[in-house]
Protein backbone atom coordinates (compact mmCIF):
# COMPACT_ATOMS: atom_id res chain seq x y z
CA MET A 1 -1.56 22.14 -9.07
CA ASN A 2 -0.77 18.65 -10.27
CA SER A 3 -3.10 16.40 -11.83
CA ILE A 4 -3.18 13.55 -9.02
CA LYS A 5 -4.18 16.50 -6.57
CA GLU A 6 -6.39 18.05 -8.52
CA ALA A 7 -8.15 14.39 -9.55
CA ILE A 8 -8.21 13.69 -5.72
CA ARG A 9 -9.87 17.03 -5.02
CA HIS A 10 -12.55 16.09 -7.51
CA ILE A 11 -13.17 12.90 -6.27
CA ASN A 12 -13.42 14.37 -2.82
CA MET A 13 -16.37 16.96 -3.83
CA GLY A 14 -18.15 13.93 -5.31
CA LEU A 15 -17.82 11.83 -2.20
CA THR A 16 -18.74 14.79 0.17
CA GLN A 17 -21.81 15.22 -2.06
CA SER A 18 -22.85 11.71 -2.06
CA GLU A 19 -25.45 10.49 1.03
CA ASN A 20 -23.80 7.35 1.65
CA ARG A 21 -19.87 7.04 0.93
CA GLN A 22 -18.59 4.98 3.49
CA ILE A 23 -17.28 1.78 0.96
CA VAL A 24 -16.22 2.89 -2.32
CA THR A 25 -14.98 0.20 -4.88
CA PHE A 26 -12.48 1.51 -7.61
CA PHE A 27 -12.47 -0.23 -10.93
CA THR A 28 -10.22 0.20 -13.86
CA LEU A 29 -9.96 -0.93 -17.49
CA ASP A 30 -6.34 -0.85 -17.61
CA GLY A 31 -4.58 1.25 -15.17
CA GLU A 32 -4.08 -0.35 -12.30
CA ILE A 33 -1.42 1.76 -11.00
CA ALA A 34 -3.01 4.83 -11.67
CA GLN A 35 -5.78 3.41 -9.77
CA GLN A 36 -3.96 2.34 -6.76
CA THR A 37 -2.15 5.63 -6.71
CA LEU A 38 -5.54 7.17 -6.62
CA ILE A 39 -6.60 5.06 -3.50
CA VAL A 40 -3.50 5.55 -1.59
CA ASN A 41 -3.60 9.43 -2.00
CA LEU A 42 -6.99 9.93 -1.18
CA ALA A 43 -6.38 7.60 2.18
CA VAL A 44 -3.89 9.32 3.10
CA MET A 45 -5.70 13.07 2.65
CA TYR A 46 -8.57 11.72 4.91
CA GLY A 47 -6.08 10.64 7.30
CA LYS A 48 -4.56 14.03 7.44
CA VAL A 49 -7.91 15.41 8.37
CA GLY A 50 -8.67 12.90 10.93
CA GLU A 51 -10.88 10.12 9.30
CA LYS A 52 -9.85 6.87 9.63
CA THR A 53 -9.45 4.90 6.09
CA ILE A 54 -9.03 1.48 5.44
CA ILE A 55 -7.80 -0.02 2.00
CA LEU A 56 -8.97 -3.82 1.31
CA ASP A 57 -6.99 -4.94 -1.68
CA THR A 58 -8.89 -7.87 -3.92
CA GLU A 59 -6.40 -7.69 -6.40
CA PHE A 60 -4.78 -11.42 -5.35
CA GLY A 61 -1.04 -11.89 -5.67
CA ASN A 62 -0.60 -7.87 -5.75
CA GLY A 63 1.96 -6.33 -3.24
CA LEU A 64 1.98 -2.77 -4.20
CA PHE A 65 0.00 -1.52 -1.10
CA SER A 66 2.69 -3.31 1.03
CA ASN A 67 5.38 -1.76 -0.89
CA VAL A 68 4.28 1.90 -0.74
CA PHE A 69 3.37 1.56 3.10
CA ASN A 70 6.08 -0.20 3.85
CA LEU A 71 4.25 -2.98 5.66
CA LYS A 72 5.51 -6.36 6.99
CA PRO A 73 4.61 -9.32 5.28
CA GLY A 74 1.51 -11.15 6.77
CA LYS A 75 -1.59 -12.46 6.72
CA GLY A 76 -4.04 -10.89 4.30
CA LEU A 77 -7.58 -11.25 2.70
CA SER A 78 -7.21 -14.48 0.95
CA ASP A 79 -5.71 -16.14 3.98
CA TYR A 80 -8.91 -14.73 6.21
CA LEU A 81 -11.32 -16.15 3.67
CA ASP A 82 -9.47 -19.57 3.72
CA ASP A 83 -8.77 -19.54 7.88
CA TYR A 84 -11.89 -19.23 10.05
CA THR A 85 -9.40 -19.35 12.78
CA LEU A 86 -8.18 -15.56 11.80
CA THR A 87 -9.88 -12.19 12.60
CA ASP A 88 -10.57 -8.91 11.13
CA ASN A 89 -7.85 -7.72 13.66
CA ASP A 90 -5.46 -10.55 12.12
CA ILE A 91 -5.33 -9.03 9.04
CA ILE A 92 -5.71 -5.48 9.17
CA GLN A 93 -2.02 -3.19 9.09
CA GLU A 94 -1.97 0.21 10.52
CA VAL A 95 0.15 2.41 8.88
CA THR A 96 1.66 4.53 11.52
CA GLY A 97 0.65 8.12 11.82
CA HIS A 98 -1.56 8.35 8.99
CA ASN A 99 -4.82 7.01 10.35
CA VAL A 100 -4.73 4.76 7.29
CA GLY A 101 -4.82 0.64 7.52
CA VAL A 102 -4.41 -1.65 5.01
CA ILE A 103 -5.62 -5.34 4.08
CA THR A 104 -3.63 -7.35 1.50
CA SER A 105 -4.79 -9.11 -0.67
CA GLY A 106 -2.80 -12.03 1.14
CA SER A 107 -1.27 -15.20 -0.25
CA GLU A 108 -1.12 -15.45 -3.89
CA ASN A 109 -3.39 -18.52 -4.39
CA GLY A 110 -6.30 -16.10 -3.73
CA GLU A 111 -9.20 -16.21 -6.43
CA HIS A 112 -11.76 -13.44 -7.04
CA TYR A 113 -14.67 -15.82 -6.31
CA GLN A 114 -13.52 -15.62 -2.53
CA THR A 115 -15.27 -12.25 -2.23
CA GLY A 116 -18.55 -13.97 -2.45
CA ASP A 117 -18.01 -15.71 0.59
CA PRO A 118 -20.44 -14.83 3.85
CA ARG A 119 -17.21 -13.74 5.70
CA PHE A 120 -16.27 -10.94 3.23
CA SER A 121 -19.71 -9.23 3.82
CA ARG A 122 -19.15 -9.61 7.45
CA LEU A 123 -15.40 -8.43 7.61
CA ILE A 124 -16.79 -5.21 5.48
CA LYS A 125 -19.46 -4.73 8.11
CA SER A 126 -17.04 -4.76 10.79
CA LEU A 127 -14.42 -2.56 8.74
CA THR A 128 -17.30 -0.11 8.31
CA ASN A 129 -17.52 -0.05 12.33
CA LYS A 130 -14.14 0.76 12.85
CA TYR A 131 -13.12 3.23 9.60
CA ASP A 132 -15.26 6.26 8.45
CA HIS A 133 -13.96 5.18 4.48
CA VAL A 134 -13.47 1.75 3.25
CA PHE A 135 -11.82 1.87 0.01
CA ILE A 136 -11.96 -1.50 -2.06
CA ASN A 137 -9.12 -2.01 -4.92
CA THR A 138 -9.89 -4.26 -7.72
CA PRO A 139 -7.94 -5.78 -10.47
CA SER A 140 -8.77 -4.76 -13.86
CA TYR A 141 -12.36 -5.27 -15.01
CA GLN A 142 -12.77 -8.16 -17.54
CA ASP A 143 -15.92 -9.32 -18.82
CA SER A 144 -17.05 -11.18 -16.02
CA GLY A 145 -19.63 -11.45 -13.06
CA GLU A 146 -16.76 -11.81 -10.46
CA PHE A 147 -17.07 -8.17 -9.21
CA SER A 148 -21.17 -8.93 -8.25
CA SER A 149 -20.17 -9.72 -4.46
CA LEU A 150 -18.12 -6.31 -4.34
CA LEU A 151 -21.06 -4.05 -5.68
CA THR A 152 -23.87 -5.64 -3.27
CA VAL A 153 -21.24 -4.10 -0.52
CA SER A 154 -20.44 -0.73 -1.82
CA ASP A 155 -22.05 2.43 -1.56
CA GLY A 156 -20.69 3.37 -4.82
CA VAL A 157 -18.35 3.04 -7.83
CA ILE A 158 -15.36 5.27 -8.87
CA ILE A 159 -13.81 4.47 -12.24
CA VAL A 160 -10.56 4.74 -13.08
CA SER A 161 -9.67 5.12 -16.99
CA ALA A 162 -6.28 5.85 -18.90
CA LEU A 163 -6.47 8.76 -21.19
CA LYS A 164 -6.01 8.04 -24.88
CA VAL A 165 -5.90 4.08 -23.77
CA THR A 166 -9.01 3.07 -22.62
CA LYS A 167 -11.37 1.77 -25.60
CA LYS A 168 -14.71 3.63 -25.63
CA SER A 169 -16.41 0.22 -26.16
CA LYS A 170 -14.69 -0.95 -22.85
CA MET A 171 -15.92 1.72 -20.96
CA TYR A 172 -19.45 1.44 -22.22
CA HIS A 173 -19.23 -2.19 -21.22
CA LEU A 174 -17.85 -1.46 -17.99
CA VAL A 175 -20.64 1.36 -17.06
CA ASP A 176 -23.49 -1.04 -18.67
CA TYR A 177 -22.20 -3.77 -16.49
CA LEU A 178 -22.49 -1.58 -13.26
CA LYS A 179 -25.82 -0.16 -14.31
CA LYS A 180 -27.39 -3.45 -14.61
CA ARG A 181 -26.25 -4.31 -11.22
CA ASN A 182 -27.51 -1.00 -9.69
CA ALA A 183 -24.46 0.30 -8.80
CA LYS A 184 -24.14 3.65 -7.97
CA ILE A 185 -21.24 5.47 -10.35
CA LEU A 186 -20.10 8.23 -7.84
CA GLY A 187 -17.71 9.56 -10.74
CA TYR A 188 -14.52 8.44 -12.89
CA VAL A 189 -10.92 9.96 -13.29
CA SER A 190 -9.07 9.60 -16.69
CA VAL A 191 -5.58 9.70 -15.97
CA LYS A 192 -2.49 10.13 -18.26
CA ARG A 193 0.08 7.34 -18.15
């Protein structure tokens, strides 16, 4: 079995054993591509068994999910948070045949503080009514409080680290940051580059 399939199955086992696992936020210290690959594969896996999943990209200026799913350019999260005339339906792009939806990060001028906007919390609530799983992609963790608003809406966190690249001190700092904010750590994945 290849390592990505094995990692995805281990994460799934952890998610299915958790009581409340609908909204999962993914954190990485230095492995954004690995994190995004993991999110895509988990979403498609759930879609294949009939569970609707949405990927919410909070890494502003990132276009990876658009490229992977061959999505048309359109409005995304930062546009929604800036333009009160947009609804969640205006920013959700469904991936045909996969039971997967994607909300891209939107225009490149988005800022991480935007996730503290009350509309962000309302968007999450709306998504939980439409989807079985909400996967939130974050940029690489830096020593700051910019992720606090994501943690308040998340049921749990999965940490993605790069094998033999991620420094232990950075990992301890991230775990400490998450614990101080009462985040439920569902597990971690260590991937090779």
